[in-house]
Amino acid sequence: MAEKPIIEVQGLTKRFKGLTAVHDVSFSVEKGSITGMIGPNGAGKSTTFNMICGYYPPTEGKIFYNGEDITNKKAYEYTNMKIARTFQIMKPLKNLSVLDNVTAAAYFGHAGAKSEKEAKERAMEVLHFTGLYEKRHVISKDMGTPDQKRLEMARALATKPEVLFLDENMAGLNPAETEEAIQLIRKINESGVTILLIEHIMKAVVSLCEKVIVLHHGEKIAEGTPEQVMNDPYVMEVYLGTKKEGASA
């Protein structure tokens, strides 16, 4: 018997007054996988993410985690369920050092530290893992964008998640920084963490993802391997504004 998906969403819909931001979106995320979510600006990706992560209650639909209905769970409950996320707009504790940021995060989650010693040990482990150890005493507001994005991931990892949601962690990075981020995300996945990511950089999506979900105008228009999705005529039209040769009108 096939293993149940670790995350499954069924018919997710979100309305804000008269606006339907997401309509009837369904998909699953397999345990141990890296799944990507792509789409043009305004496609409904962040709204879908925020529903799955407990920030917005869905107007309709269900969210399951390891087969359990978590539709009405709140965002603050997620760390205790071994789920963590990063934000497109980084939200570090700006006046604290990198080490103190990650130490603070280590107190949260299902395996939250019970002492300062335990929290700092966990933080140091994560800083070594993410390549931030040498910058552990830098005040987070003084860091550049690439390091702040890495710090976002380090803080999430300090909670010992089983599932990690990444929201455009490569936005604003140059090609070399993007490659470093790809390698870190792959390393996180290889450590046993399931990943669902929103990303605009197609090099990263193709390199990392086993499955890709495409949203447009709040609806799912394609799902499959990166190769299948990027060869889908409708996806080509949505991204490039042109129909692929041989595609029907």
C-alpha atoms as a PDB file:
ATOM      1  CA  MET A   1       0.000   0.000   0.000  1.00  0.00           C
ATOM      2  CA  ALA A   2       1.324   3.424  -0.969  1.00  0.00           C
ATOM      3  CA  GLU A   3       2.287   5.755   1.869  1.00  0.00           C
ATOM      4  CA  LYS A   4      -0.105   8.641   2.479  1.00  0.00           C
ATOM      5  CA  PRO A   5       1.124  12.099   1.441  1.00  0.00           C
ATOM      6  CA  ILE A   6       2.612  14.097   4.296  1.00  0.00           C
ATOM      7  CA  ILE A   7       0.634  17.170   3.177  1.00  0.00           C
ATOM      8  CA  GLU A   8      -2.636  17.025   1.252  1.00  0.00           C
ATOM      9  CA  VAL A   9      -4.901  19.922   0.367  1.00  0.00           C
ATOM     10  CA  GLN A  10      -8.381  19.418  -1.015  1.00  0.00           C
ATOM     11  CA  GLY A  11     -10.415  22.103  -2.747  1.00  0.00           C
ATOM     12  CA  LEU A  12      -8.751  25.085  -1.068  1.00  0.00           C
ATOM     13  CA  THR A  13     -10.622  28.314  -1.738  1.00  0.00           C
ATOM     14  CA  LYS A  14     -10.053  31.767  -0.250  1.00  0.00           C
ATOM     15  CA  ARG A  15     -12.331  34.746  -0.699  1.00  0.00           C
ATOM     16  CA  PHE A  16     -11.592  38.233   0.580  1.00  0.00           C
ATOM     17  CA  LYS A  17     -14.997  39.948   0.563  1.00  0.00           C
ATOM     18  CA  GLY A  18     -15.921  39.902  -3.128  1.00  0.00           C
ATOM     19  CA  LEU A  19     -12.531  38.747  -4.427  1.00  0.00           C
ATOM     20  CA  THR A  20     -11.722  35.060  -4.913  1.00  0.00           C
ATOM     21  CA  ALA A  21      -7.949  34.870  -4.493  1.00  0.00           C
ATOM     22  CA  VAL A  22      -7.708  31.055  -4.647  1.00  0.00           C
ATOM     23  CA  HIS A  23     -10.298  28.695  -6.103  1.00  0.00           C
ATOM     24  CA  ASP A  24     -10.568  24.931  -5.631  1.00  0.00           C
ATOM     25  CA  VAL A  25      -6.853  24.101  -5.421  1.00  0.00           C
ATOM     26  CA  SER A  26      -5.933  20.498  -4.617  1.00  0.00           C
ATOM     27  CA  PHE A  27      -2.552  18.764  -4.501  1.00  0.00           C
ATOM     28  CA  SER A  28      -0.377  16.571  -2.303  1.00  0.00           C
ATOM     29  CA  VAL A  29       3.226  16.617  -1.088  1.00  0.00           C
ATOM     30  CA  GLU A  30       4.988  13.291  -0.688  1.00  0.00           C
ATOM     31  CA  LYS A  31       7.117  12.637   2.373  1.00  0.00           C
ATOM     32  CA  GLY A  32      10.801  13.319   1.749  1.00  0.00           C
ATOM     33  CA  SER A  33      10.168  15.222  -1.488  1.00  0.00           C
ATOM     34  CA  ILE A  34      10.829  18.739  -2.709  1.00  0.00           C
ATOM     35  CA  THR A  35       7.681  20.157  -4.316  1.00  0.00           C
ATOM     36  CA  GLY A  36       7.585  23.516  -6.062  1.00  0.00           C
ATOM     37  CA  MET A  37       4.763  25.996  -6.502  1.00  0.00           C
ATOM     38  CA  ILE A  38       5.111  28.482  -9.350  1.00  0.00           C
ATOM     39  CA  GLY A  39       2.992  31.033 -11.162  1.00  0.00           C
ATOM     40  CA  PRO A  40       2.975  34.674 -12.268  1.00  0.00           C
ATOM     41  CA  ASN A  41       2.669  37.476  -9.727  1.00  0.00           C
ATOM     42  CA  GLY A  42      -0.836  37.506  -8.274  1.00  0.00           C
ATOM     43  CA  ALA A  43      -1.432  33.831  -9.096  1.00  0.00           C
ATOM     44  CA  GLY A  44      -2.440  33.006  -5.512  1.00  0.00           C
ATOM     45  CA  LYS A  45       0.755  31.252  -4.416  1.00  0.00           C
ATOM     46  CA  SER A  46       1.298  33.180  -1.173  1.00  0.00           C
ATOM     47  CA  THR A  47      -2.394  33.011  -0.281  1.00  0.00           C
ATOM     48  CA  THR A  48      -2.311  29.234  -0.749  1.00  0.00           C
ATOM     49  CA  PHE A  49       0.860  29.023   1.351  1.00  0.00           C
ATOM     50  CA  ASN A  50      -0.712  31.141   4.091  1.00  0.00           C
ATOM     51  CA  MET A  51      -3.770  28.887   4.216  1.00  0.00           C
ATOM     52  CA  ILE A  52      -1.663  25.727   4.419  1.00  0.00           C
ATOM     53  CA  CYS A  53       0.496  27.301   7.164  1.00  0.00           C
ATOM     54  CA  GLY A  54      -2.441  28.434   9.304  1.00  0.00           C
ATOM     55  CA  TYR A  55      -2.197  32.193   8.668  1.00  0.00           C
ATOM     56  CA  TYR A  56      -5.459  32.405   6.693  1.00  0.00           C
ATOM     57  CA  PRO A  57      -8.457  30.163   7.374  1.00  0.00           C
ATOM     58  CA  PRO A  58      -9.689  28.762   4.057  1.00  0.00           C
ATOM     59  CA  THR A  59     -13.172  29.796   2.962  1.00  0.00           C
ATOM     60  CA  GLU A  60     -13.610  26.252   1.666  1.00  0.00           C
ATOM     61  CA  GLY A  61     -11.502  23.116   1.528  1.00  0.00           C
ATOM     62  CA  LYS A  62      -9.423  20.915   3.795  1.00  0.00           C
ATOM     63  CA  ILE A  63      -5.752  20.598   4.783  1.00  0.00           C
ATOM     64  CA  PHE A  64      -4.320  17.285   5.996  1.00  0.00           C
ATOM     65  CA  TYR A  65      -0.949  16.608   7.615  1.00  0.00           C
ATOM     66  CA  ASN A  66       0.021  12.947   7.974  1.00  0.00           C
ATOM     67  CA  GLY A  67      -3.658  12.139   7.424  1.00  0.00           C
ATOM     68  CA  GLU A  68      -4.865  14.439  10.219  1.00  0.00           C
ATOM     69  CA  ASP A  69      -7.230  17.298   9.412  1.00  0.00           C
ATOM     70  CA  ILE A  70      -5.395  20.487  10.445  1.00  0.00           C
ATOM     71  CA  THR A  71      -7.644  22.927   8.547  1.00  0.00           C
ATOM     72  CA  ASN A  72      -8.503  24.990  11.614  1.00  0.00           C
ATOM     73  CA  LYS A  73      -5.123  24.914  13.324  1.00  0.00           C
ATOM     74  CA  LYS A  74      -3.502  28.295  14.027  1.00  0.00           C
ATOM     75  CA  ALA A  75      -0.064  29.317  12.782  1.00  0.00           C
ATOM     76  CA  TYR A  76       1.435  29.270  16.286  1.00  0.00           C
ATOM     77  CA  GLU A  77       0.458  25.602  16.658  1.00  0.00           C
ATOM     78  CA  TYR A  78       2.459  24.511  13.643  1.00  0.00           C
ATOM     79  CA  THR A  79       5.912  24.339  15.221  1.00  0.00           C
ATOM     80  CA  ASN A  80       4.600  21.753  17.679  1.00  0.00           C
ATOM     81  CA  MET A  81       3.455  19.717  14.668  1.00  0.00           C
ATOM     82  CA  LYS A  82       7.015  19.726  13.224  1.00  0.00           C
ATOM     83  CA  ILE A  83       6.132  22.271  10.528  1.00  0.00           C
ATOM     84  CA  ALA A  84       8.166  25.433   9.921  1.00  0.00           C
ATOM     85  CA  ARG A  85       8.208  28.194   7.301  1.00  0.00           C
ATOM     86  CA  THR A  86      10.274  31.086   6.076  1.00  0.00           C
ATOM     87  CA  PHE A  87       8.975  34.435   4.822  1.00  0.00           C
ATOM     88  CA  GLN A  88       9.560  36.267   1.561  1.00  0.00           C
ATOM     89  CA  ILE A  89      10.174  39.412   3.615  1.00  0.00           C
ATOM     90  CA  MET A  90      12.791  38.375   6.170  1.00  0.00           C
ATOM     91  CA  LYS A  91      11.765  38.821   9.797  1.00  0.00           C
ATOM     92  CA  PRO A  92      14.852  38.391  11.986  1.00  0.00           C
ATOM     93  CA  LEU A  93      15.189  39.830  15.468  1.00  0.00           C
ATOM     94  CA  LYS A  94      17.041  42.793  13.971  1.00  0.00           C
ATOM     95  CA  ASN A  95      19.042  43.962  16.972  1.00  0.00           C
ATOM     96  CA  LEU A  96      20.199  40.500  18.023  1.00  0.00           C
ATOM     97  CA  SER A  97      23.134  38.501  16.751  1.00  0.00           C
ATOM     98  CA  VAL A  98      22.796  35.587  14.370  1.00  0.00           C
ATOM     99  CA  LEU A  99      23.486  33.203  17.254  1.00  0.00           C
ATOM    100  CA  ASP A 100      20.846  34.809  19.480  1.00  0.00           C
ATOM    101  CA  ASN A 101      18.288  34.711  16.646  1.00  0.00           C
ATOM    102  CA  VAL A 102      18.741  30.981  16.165  1.00  0.00           C
ATOM    103  CA  THR A 103      18.976  30.328  19.911  1.00  0.00           C
ATOM    104  CA  ALA A 104      15.596  32.020  20.417  1.00  0.00           C
ATOM    105  CA  ALA A 105      14.050  29.841  17.703  1.00  0.00           C
ATOM    106  CA  ALA A 106      15.436  26.699  19.347  1.00  0.00           C
ATOM    107  CA  TYR A 107      13.067  27.153  22.302  1.00  0.00           C
ATOM    108  CA  PHE A 108      10.078  26.555  20.027  1.00  0.00           C
ATOM    109  CA  GLY A 109       8.696  23.457  18.365  1.00  0.00           C
ATOM    110  CA  HIS A 110       7.923  19.903  19.357  1.00  0.00           C
ATOM    111  CA  ALA A 111      11.504  19.482  20.606  1.00  0.00           C
ATOM    112  CA  GLY A 112      11.908  22.954  22.088  1.00  0.00           C
ATOM    113  CA  ALA A 113      14.996  23.471  24.233  1.00  0.00           C
ATOM    114  CA  LYS A 114      14.442  23.206  27.978  1.00  0.00           C
ATOM    115  CA  SER A 115      17.479  25.291  28.933  1.00  0.00           C
ATOM    116  CA  GLU A 116      19.728  28.018  27.564  1.00  0.00           C
ATOM    117  CA  LYS A 117      22.568  25.521  27.235  1.00  0.00           C
ATOM    118  CA  GLU A 118      20.430  23.175  25.168  1.00  0.00           C
ATOM    119  CA  ALA A 119      19.143  26.047  22.993  1.00  0.00           C
ATOM    120  CA  LYS A 120      22.648  27.335  22.286  1.00  0.00           C
ATOM    121  CA  GLU A 121      23.929  23.858  21.477  1.00  0.00           C
ATOM    122  CA  ARG A 122      21.074  23.392  19.024  1.00  0.00           C
ATOM    123  CA  ALA A 123      21.742  26.843  17.532  1.00  0.00           C
ATOM    124  CA  MET A 124      25.443  26.137  17.052  1.00  0.00           C
ATOM    125  CA  GLU A 125      24.621  22.854  15.325  1.00  0.00           C
ATOM    126  CA  VAL A 126      22.261  24.650  12.926  1.00  0.00           C
ATOM    127  CA  LEU A 127      24.746  27.464  12.259  1.00  0.00           C
ATOM    128  CA  HIS A 128      27.417  24.929  11.287  1.00  0.00           C
ATOM    129  CA  PHE A 129      24.871  23.146   9.061  1.00  0.00           C
ATOM    130  CA  THR A 130      23.773  26.321   7.267  1.00  0.00           C
ATOM    131  CA  GLY A 131      27.227  27.870   6.917  1.00  0.00           C
ATOM    132  CA  LEU A 132      26.549  30.786   9.257  1.00  0.00           C
ATOM    133  CA  TYR A 133      28.847  29.770  12.097  1.00  0.00           C
ATOM    134  CA  GLU A 134      31.576  32.273  11.201  1.00  0.00           C
ATOM    135  CA  LYS A 135      28.975  35.066  11.288  1.00  0.00           C
ATOM    136  CA  ARG A 136      27.348  34.000  14.541  1.00  0.00           C
ATOM    137  CA  HIS A 137      28.213  37.263  16.339  1.00  0.00           C
ATOM    138  CA  VAL A 138      27.055  39.594  13.538  1.00  0.00           C
ATOM    139  CA  ILE A 139      23.947  41.656  14.336  1.00  0.00           C
ATOM    140  CA  SER A 140      21.263  40.425  11.958  1.00  0.00           C
ATOM    141  CA  LYS A 141      20.222  43.880  10.685  1.00  0.00           C
ATOM    142  CA  ASP A 142      23.804  44.410   9.482  1.00  0.00           C
ATOM    143  CA  MET A 143      23.771  41.324   7.245  1.00  0.00           C
ATOM    144  CA  GLY A 144      23.265  41.332   3.495  1.00  0.00           C
ATOM    145  CA  THR A 145      20.229  39.786   1.813  1.00  0.00           C
ATOM    146  CA  PRO A 146      21.814  36.362   1.093  1.00  0.00           C
ATOM    147  CA  ASP A 147      22.839  35.880   4.725  1.00  0.00           C
ATOM    148  CA  GLN A 148      19.486  37.109   6.037  1.00  0.00           C
ATOM    149  CA  LYS A 149      17.748  34.552   3.817  1.00  0.00           C
ATOM    150  CA  ARG A 150      20.082  31.863   5.141  1.00  0.00           C
ATOM    151  CA  LEU A 151      19.287  33.036   8.666  1.00  0.00           C
ATOM    152  CA  GLU A 152      15.562  32.626   7.912  1.00  0.00           C
ATOM    153  CA  MET A 153      16.218  28.986   7.080  1.00  0.00           C
ATOM    154  CA  ALA A 154      18.456  28.520  10.121  1.00  0.00           C
ATOM    155  CA  ARG A 155      15.766  29.838  12.470  1.00  0.00           C
ATOM    156  CA  ALA A 156      13.211  27.500  10.914  1.00  0.00           C
ATOM    157  CA  LEU A 157      15.565  24.521  11.203  1.00  0.00           C
ATOM    158  CA  ALA A 158      16.195  25.266  14.883  1.00  0.00           C
ATOM    159  CA  THR A 159      12.628  24.098  15.598  1.00  0.00           C
ATOM    160  CA  LYS A 160      13.494  20.635  14.174  1.00  0.00           C
ATOM    161  CA  PRO A 161      10.789  20.539  11.487  1.00  0.00           C
ATOM    162  CA  GLU A 162       9.638  17.540   9.530  1.00  0.00           C
ATOM    163  CA  VAL A 163       8.166  19.840   6.839  1.00  0.00           C
ATOM    164  CA  LEU A 164       9.634  23.172   5.734  1.00  0.00           C
ATOM    165  CA  PHE A 165       7.779  25.770   3.669  1.00  0.00           C
ATOM    166  CA  LEU A 166      10.084  28.162   1.789  1.00  0.00           C
ATOM    167  CA  ASP A 167       8.626  31.390   0.385  1.00  0.00           C
ATOM    168  CA  GLU A 168      10.837  32.768  -2.415  1.00  0.00           C
ATOM    169  CA  ASN A 169      14.113  32.212  -0.601  1.00  0.00           C
ATOM    170  CA  MET A 170      16.110  33.003  -3.728  1.00  0.00           C
ATOM    171  CA  ALA A 171      14.483  36.314  -4.679  1.00  0.00           C
ATOM    172  CA  GLY A 172      17.121  39.023  -5.080  1.00  0.00           C
ATOM    173  CA  LEU A 173      20.084  36.647  -5.205  1.00  0.00           C
ATOM    174  CA  ASN A 174      22.698  36.663  -7.948  1.00  0.00           C
ATOM    175  CA  PRO A 175      23.526  33.428  -9.841  1.00  0.00           C
ATOM    176  CA  ALA A 176      26.336  32.385  -7.475  1.00  0.00           C
ATOM    177  CA  GLU A 177      24.197  33.074  -4.385  1.00  0.00           C
ATOM    178  CA  THR A 178      21.302  31.210  -5.991  1.00  0.00           C
ATOM    179  CA  GLU A 179      23.495  28.154  -6.525  1.00  0.00           C
ATOM    180  CA  GLU A 180      24.574  28.258  -2.871  1.00  0.00           C
ATOM    181  CA  ALA A 181      20.911  28.448  -1.805  1.00  0.00           C
ATOM    182  CA  ILE A 182      20.056  25.485  -4.047  1.00  0.00           C
ATOM    183  CA  GLN A 183      22.812  23.430  -2.435  1.00  0.00           C
ATOM    184  CA  LEU A 184      21.615  24.310   1.072  1.00  0.00           C
ATOM    185  CA  ILE A 185      17.996  23.425   0.269  1.00  0.00           C
ATOM    186  CA  ARG A 186      19.120  20.106  -1.184  1.00  0.00           C
ATOM    187  CA  LYS A 187      21.206  19.466   1.950  1.00  0.00           C
ATOM    188  CA  ILE A 188      18.185  20.232   4.172  1.00  0.00           C
ATOM    189  CA  ASN A 189      16.057  17.815   2.165  1.00  0.00           C
ATOM    190  CA  GLU A 190      18.728  15.099   2.331  1.00  0.00           C
ATOM    191  CA  SER A 191      18.684  15.452   6.133  1.00  0.00           C
ATOM    192  CA  GLY A 192      15.087  14.158   6.060  1.00  0.00           C
ATOM    193  CA  VAL A 193      13.015  17.353   5.780  1.00  0.00           C
ATOM    194  CA  THR A 194      10.136  17.494   3.285  1.00  0.00           C
ATOM    195  CA  ILE A 195      10.079  20.830   1.437  1.00  0.00           C
ATOM    196  CA  LEU A 196       7.354  22.819  -0.313  1.00  0.00           C
ATOM    197  CA  LEU A 197       8.687  25.966  -1.940  1.00  0.00           C
ATOM    198  CA  ILE A 198       7.402  28.977  -3.845  1.00  0.00           C
ATOM    199  CA  GLU A 199       9.984  30.150  -6.333  1.00  0.00           C
ATOM    200  CA  HIS A 200      10.267  32.332  -9.440  1.00  0.00           C
ATOM    201  CA  ILE A 201      13.791  31.250 -10.382  1.00  0.00           C
ATOM    202  CA  MET A 202      13.154  28.387 -12.771  1.00  0.00           C
ATOM    203  CA  LYS A 203      16.749  27.121 -12.589  1.00  0.00           C
ATOM    204  CA  ALA A 204      16.133  26.379  -8.917  1.00  0.00           C
ATOM    205  CA  VAL A 205      12.743  24.776  -9.545  1.00  0.00           C
ATOM    206  CA  VAL A 206      14.092  22.494 -12.276  1.00  0.00           C
ATOM    207  CA  SER A 207      17.185  21.607 -10.246  1.00  0.00           C
ATOM    208  CA  LEU A 208      15.420  20.872  -6.961  1.00  0.00           C
ATOM    209  CA  CYS A 209      11.815  19.813  -7.475  1.00  0.00           C
ATOM    210  CA  GLU A 210      10.412  16.385  -8.163  1.00  0.00           C
ATOM    211  CA  LYS A 211       6.942  17.824  -8.684  1.00  0.00           C
ATOM    212  CA  VAL A 212       5.747  21.303  -9.639  1.00  0.00           C
ATOM    213  CA  ILE A 213       2.304  22.867  -9.152  1.00  0.00           C
ATOM    214  CA  VAL A 214       1.407  25.831 -11.361  1.00  0.00           C
ATOM    215  CA  LEU A 215      -1.151  28.431 -10.268  1.00  0.00           C
ATOM    216  CA  HIS A 216      -2.711  31.140 -12.426  1.00  0.00           C
ATOM    217  CA  HIS A 217      -5.503  33.521 -11.409  1.00  0.00           C
ATOM    218  CA  GLY A 218      -5.918  31.522  -8.195  1.00  0.00           C
ATOM    219  CA  GLU A 219      -6.446  28.164  -9.897  1.00  0.00           C
ATOM    220  CA  LYS A 220      -4.188  25.170 -10.487  1.00  0.00           C
ATOM    221  CA  ILE A 221      -3.494  24.929 -14.213  1.00  0.00           C
ATOM    222  CA  ALA A 222      -0.797  22.234 -14.268  1.00  0.00           C
ATOM    223  CA  GLU A 223       0.980  19.670 -12.102  1.00  0.00           C
ATOM    224  CA  GLY A 224       3.808  17.290 -12.890  1.00  0.00           C
ATOM    225  CA  THR A 225       7.554  16.946 -13.161  1.00  0.00           C
ATOM    226  CA  PRO A 226       9.493  20.117 -14.029  1.00  0.00           C
ATOM    227  CA  GLU A 227       9.919  18.820 -17.594  1.00  0.00           C
ATOM    228  CA  GLN A 228       6.209  18.075 -17.990  1.00  0.00           C
ATOM    229  CA  VAL A 229       5.188  21.452 -16.602  1.00  0.00           C
ATOM    230  CA  MET A 230       7.657  23.491 -18.660  1.00  0.00           C
ATOM    231  CA  ASN A 231       6.489  21.738 -21.831  1.00  0.00           C
ATOM    232  CA  ASP A 232       2.815  22.348 -21.093  1.00  0.00           C
ATOM    233  CA  PRO A 233       1.430  24.699 -23.795  1.00  0.00           C
ATOM    234  CA  TYR A 234      -0.832  26.582 -21.382  1.00  0.00           C
ATOM    235  CA  VAL A 235       2.002  27.115 -18.901  1.00  0.00           C
ATOM    236  CA  MET A 236       4.170  28.443 -21.751  1.00  0.00           C
ATOM    237  CA  GLU A 237       1.394  30.825 -22.719  1.00  0.00           C
ATOM    238  CA  VAL A 238       0.910  32.049 -19.146  1.00  0.00           C
ATOM    239  CA  TYR A 239       4.626  32.700 -18.626  1.00  0.00           C
ATOM    240  CA  LEU A 240       5.651  33.897 -22.082  1.00  0.00           C
ATOM    241  CA  GLY A 241       2.411  35.277 -23.458  1.00  0.00           C
ATOM    242  CA  THR A 242       2.718  33.076 -26.541  1.00  0.00           C
ATOM    243  CA  LYS A 243       1.271  29.720 -27.497  1.00  0.00           C
ATOM    244  CA  LYS A 244       3.698  26.893 -28.105  1.00  0.00           C
ATOM    245  CA  GLU A 245       3.735  25.793 -31.717  1.00  0.00           C
ATOM    246  CA  GLY A 246       1.031  23.248 -32.392  1.00  0.00           C
ATOM    247  CA  ALA A 247      -1.027  24.205 -29.320  1.00  0.00           C
ATOM    248  CA  SER A 248      -4.740  24.611 -29.779  1.00  0.00           C
ATOM    249  CA  ALA A 249      -6.408  27.985 -29.322  1.00  0.00           C
END
